[in-house]
């Protein structure tokens, strides 16, 4: 059972002022490769899982930005942690099935 939701907006400072889009795509690829449930939104991506694994994923994304040539990166992170009952995107969104 997942015990946390983590939303992240990753803002890499790109080499030469390039577009951040390819770097954000790379970060989302890391999330996808994790196998954890996730939802991409217009301003952030939310991931469901064990808190320790989610925090390790944040570290992995930040390190990937540096390895890709970004001199620095800002990650804005929000965490919902509920170890007693678990955390689920579906449960939190059940009354909004159409996203409205």
C-alpha atoms as a PDB file:
ATOM      1  CA  UNK A   1       0.000   0.000   0.000  1.00  0.00           C
ATOM      2  CA  UNK A   2       1.285   3.440  -0.919  1.00  0.00           C
ATOM      3  CA  UNK A   3       1.705   5.731   2.064  1.00  0.00           C
ATOM      4  CA  UNK A   4       2.372   8.993   0.241  1.00  0.00           C
ATOM      5  CA  UNK A   5       1.642  11.217  -2.711  1.00  0.00           C
ATOM      6  CA  UNK A   6       4.377  13.516  -3.945  1.00  0.00           C
ATOM      7  CA  UNK A   7       3.870  16.305  -6.452  1.00  0.00           C
ATOM      8  CA  UNK A   8       6.921  17.786  -8.119  1.00  0.00           C
ATOM      9  CA  UNK A   9       7.592  20.693 -10.417  1.00  0.00           C
ATOM     10  CA  UNK A  10      11.173  20.509 -11.642  1.00  0.00           C
ATOM     11  CA  UNK A  11      12.765  23.731 -12.894  1.00  0.00           C
ATOM     12  CA  UNK A  12      16.253  23.144 -14.290  1.00  0.00           C
ATOM     13  CA  UNK A  13      18.499  26.049 -15.178  1.00  0.00           C
ATOM     14  CA  UNK A  14      19.412  24.977 -18.672  1.00  0.00           C
ATOM     15  CA  UNK A  15      22.731  25.416 -20.434  1.00  0.00           C
ATOM     16  CA  UNK A  16      22.648  28.519 -22.621  1.00  0.00           C
ATOM     17  CA  UNK A  17      19.043  29.307 -21.730  1.00  0.00           C
ATOM     18  CA  UNK A  18      17.659  26.370 -23.739  1.00  0.00           C
ATOM     19  CA  UNK A  19      14.026  25.328 -23.417  1.00  0.00           C
ATOM     20  CA  UNK A  20      13.318  23.300 -20.279  1.00  0.00           C
ATOM     21  CA  UNK A  21      10.933  20.983 -22.155  1.00  0.00           C
ATOM     22  CA  UNK A  22      13.444  18.241 -23.056  1.00  0.00           C
ATOM     23  CA  UNK A  23      14.724  18.237 -19.478  1.00  0.00           C
ATOM     24  CA  UNK A  24      11.215  18.027 -18.022  1.00  0.00           C
ATOM     25  CA  UNK A  25      10.496  15.188 -20.460  1.00  0.00           C
ATOM     26  CA  UNK A  26      13.580  13.410 -19.129  1.00  0.00           C
ATOM     27  CA  UNK A  27      12.365  13.834 -15.540  1.00  0.00           C
ATOM     28  CA  UNK A  28       8.944  12.443 -16.470  1.00  0.00           C
ATOM     29  CA  UNK A  29      10.713   9.531 -18.175  1.00  0.00           C
ATOM     30  CA  UNK A  30      12.443   8.751 -14.882  1.00  0.00           C
ATOM     31  CA  UNK A  31       9.071   8.753 -13.130  1.00  0.00           C
ATOM     32  CA  UNK A  32       7.582   6.491 -15.803  1.00  0.00           C
ATOM     33  CA  UNK A  33      10.522   4.068 -15.544  1.00  0.00           C
ATOM     34  CA  UNK A  34       9.975   3.803 -11.767  1.00  0.00           C
ATOM     35  CA  UNK A  35       6.769   1.854 -12.379  1.00  0.00           C
ATOM     36  CA  UNK A  36       4.942   3.927  -9.764  1.00  0.00           C
ATOM     37  CA  UNK A  37       1.465   5.326 -10.519  1.00  0.00           C
ATOM     38  CA  UNK A  38       1.693   8.955 -11.629  1.00  0.00           C
ATOM     39  CA  UNK A  39      -0.333  11.725 -13.213  1.00  0.00           C
ATOM     40  CA  UNK A  40       1.183  14.515 -15.298  1.00  0.00           C
ATOM     41  CA  UNK A  41      -0.509  17.877 -14.837  1.00  0.00           C
ATOM     42  CA  UNK A  42       0.107  21.208 -16.532  1.00  0.00           C
ATOM     43  CA  UNK A  43       2.311  22.545 -13.727  1.00  0.00           C
ATOM     44  CA  UNK A  44       3.430  19.470 -11.774  1.00  0.00           C
ATOM     45  CA  UNK A  45       3.432  15.689 -11.757  1.00  0.00           C
ATOM     46  CA  UNK A  46       1.980  13.658  -8.895  1.00  0.00           C
ATOM     47  CA  UNK A  47       3.388  10.246  -7.987  1.00  0.00           C
ATOM     48  CA  UNK A  48       1.960   7.637  -5.607  1.00  0.00           C
ATOM     49  CA  UNK A  49       4.174   5.341  -3.539  1.00  0.00           C
ATOM     50  CA  UNK A  50       6.261   4.716  -0.452  1.00  0.00           C
ATOM     51  CA  UNK A  51       7.658   7.982   0.931  1.00  0.00           C
ATOM     52  CA  UNK A  52      11.264   6.772   0.968  1.00  0.00           C
ATOM     53  CA  UNK A  53      11.018   5.642  -2.673  1.00  0.00           C
ATOM     54  CA  UNK A  54       9.412   8.943  -3.701  1.00  0.00           C
ATOM     55  CA  UNK A  55      12.168  10.971  -2.055  1.00  0.00           C
ATOM     56  CA  UNK A  56      14.803   8.808  -3.758  1.00  0.00           C
ATOM     57  CA  UNK A  57      13.038   9.494  -7.063  1.00  0.00           C
ATOM     58  CA  UNK A  58      13.283  13.261  -6.447  1.00  0.00           C
ATOM     59  CA  UNK A  59      17.016  12.848  -5.885  1.00  0.00           C
ATOM     60  CA  UNK A  60      17.337  10.764  -9.054  1.00  0.00           C
ATOM     61  CA  UNK A  61      15.541  13.419 -11.137  1.00  0.00           C
ATOM     62  CA  UNK A  62      17.706  16.218  -9.747  1.00  0.00           C
ATOM     63  CA  UNK A  63      20.899  14.275 -10.403  1.00  0.00           C
ATOM     64  CA  UNK A  64      19.730  13.538 -13.955  1.00  0.00           C
ATOM     65  CA  UNK A  65      19.327  17.268 -14.624  1.00  0.00           C
ATOM     66  CA  UNK A  66      22.907  17.929 -13.482  1.00  0.00           C
ATOM     67  CA  UNK A  67      24.194  14.992 -15.556  1.00  0.00           C
ATOM     68  CA  UNK A  68      22.359  16.459 -18.561  1.00  0.00           C
ATOM     69  CA  UNK A  69      24.403  19.646 -18.227  1.00  0.00           C
ATOM     70  CA  UNK A  70      22.164  21.874 -16.125  1.00  0.00           C
ATOM     71  CA  UNK A  71      24.248  23.891 -13.667  1.00  0.00           C
ATOM     72  CA  UNK A  72      21.430  23.884 -11.094  1.00  0.00           C
ATOM     73  CA  UNK A  73      17.840  22.806 -10.549  1.00  0.00           C
ATOM     74  CA  UNK A  74      14.938  23.859  -8.367  1.00  0.00           C
ATOM     75  CA  UNK A  75      12.397  21.222  -7.372  1.00  0.00           C
ATOM     76  CA  UNK A  76       9.154  22.369  -5.823  1.00  0.00           C
ATOM     77  CA  UNK A  77       7.736  19.410  -3.916  1.00  0.00           C
ATOM     78  CA  UNK A  78       4.461  18.798  -2.084  1.00  0.00           C
ATOM     79  CA  UNK A  79       3.967  15.655  -0.004  1.00  0.00           C
ATOM     80  CA  UNK A  80       0.830  14.059   1.381  1.00  0.00           C
ATOM     81  CA  UNK A  81       1.862  11.372   3.876  1.00  0.00           C
ATOM     82  CA  UNK A  82      -0.632   9.024   5.524  1.00  0.00           C
ATOM     83  CA  UNK A  83       1.049   5.842   6.790  1.00  0.00           C
ATOM     84  CA  UNK A  84      -1.978   4.725   8.831  1.00  0.00           C
ATOM     85  CA  UNK A  85      -4.565   4.756   6.025  1.00  0.00           C
ATOM     86  CA  UNK A  86      -2.396   4.945   2.933  1.00  0.00           C
ATOM     87  CA  UNK A  87      -2.425   7.505   0.150  1.00  0.00           C
ATOM     88  CA  UNK A  88      -4.186   7.204  -3.176  1.00  0.00           C
ATOM     89  CA  UNK A  89      -4.707   9.627  -6.051  1.00  0.00           C
ATOM     90  CA  UNK A  90      -7.898   7.747  -6.969  1.00  0.00           C
ATOM     91  CA  UNK A  91      -9.322   8.119  -3.456  1.00  0.00           C
ATOM     92  CA  UNK A  92      -8.552  11.841  -3.267  1.00  0.00           C
ATOM     93  CA  UNK A  93     -10.047  12.438  -6.727  1.00  0.00           C
ATOM     94  CA  UNK A  94     -13.031  10.066  -6.565  1.00  0.00           C
ATOM     95  CA  UNK A  95     -15.594  12.890  -6.399  1.00  0.00           C
ATOM     96  CA  UNK A  96     -14.018  14.541  -9.464  1.00  0.00           C
ATOM     97  CA  UNK A  97     -14.098  11.711 -12.057  1.00  0.00           C
ATOM     98  CA  UNK A  98     -13.928  14.074 -15.023  1.00  0.00           C
ATOM     99  CA  UNK A  99     -11.348  16.384 -13.466  1.00  0.00           C
ATOM    100  CA  UNK A 100     -13.984  19.121 -13.060  1.00  0.00           C
END
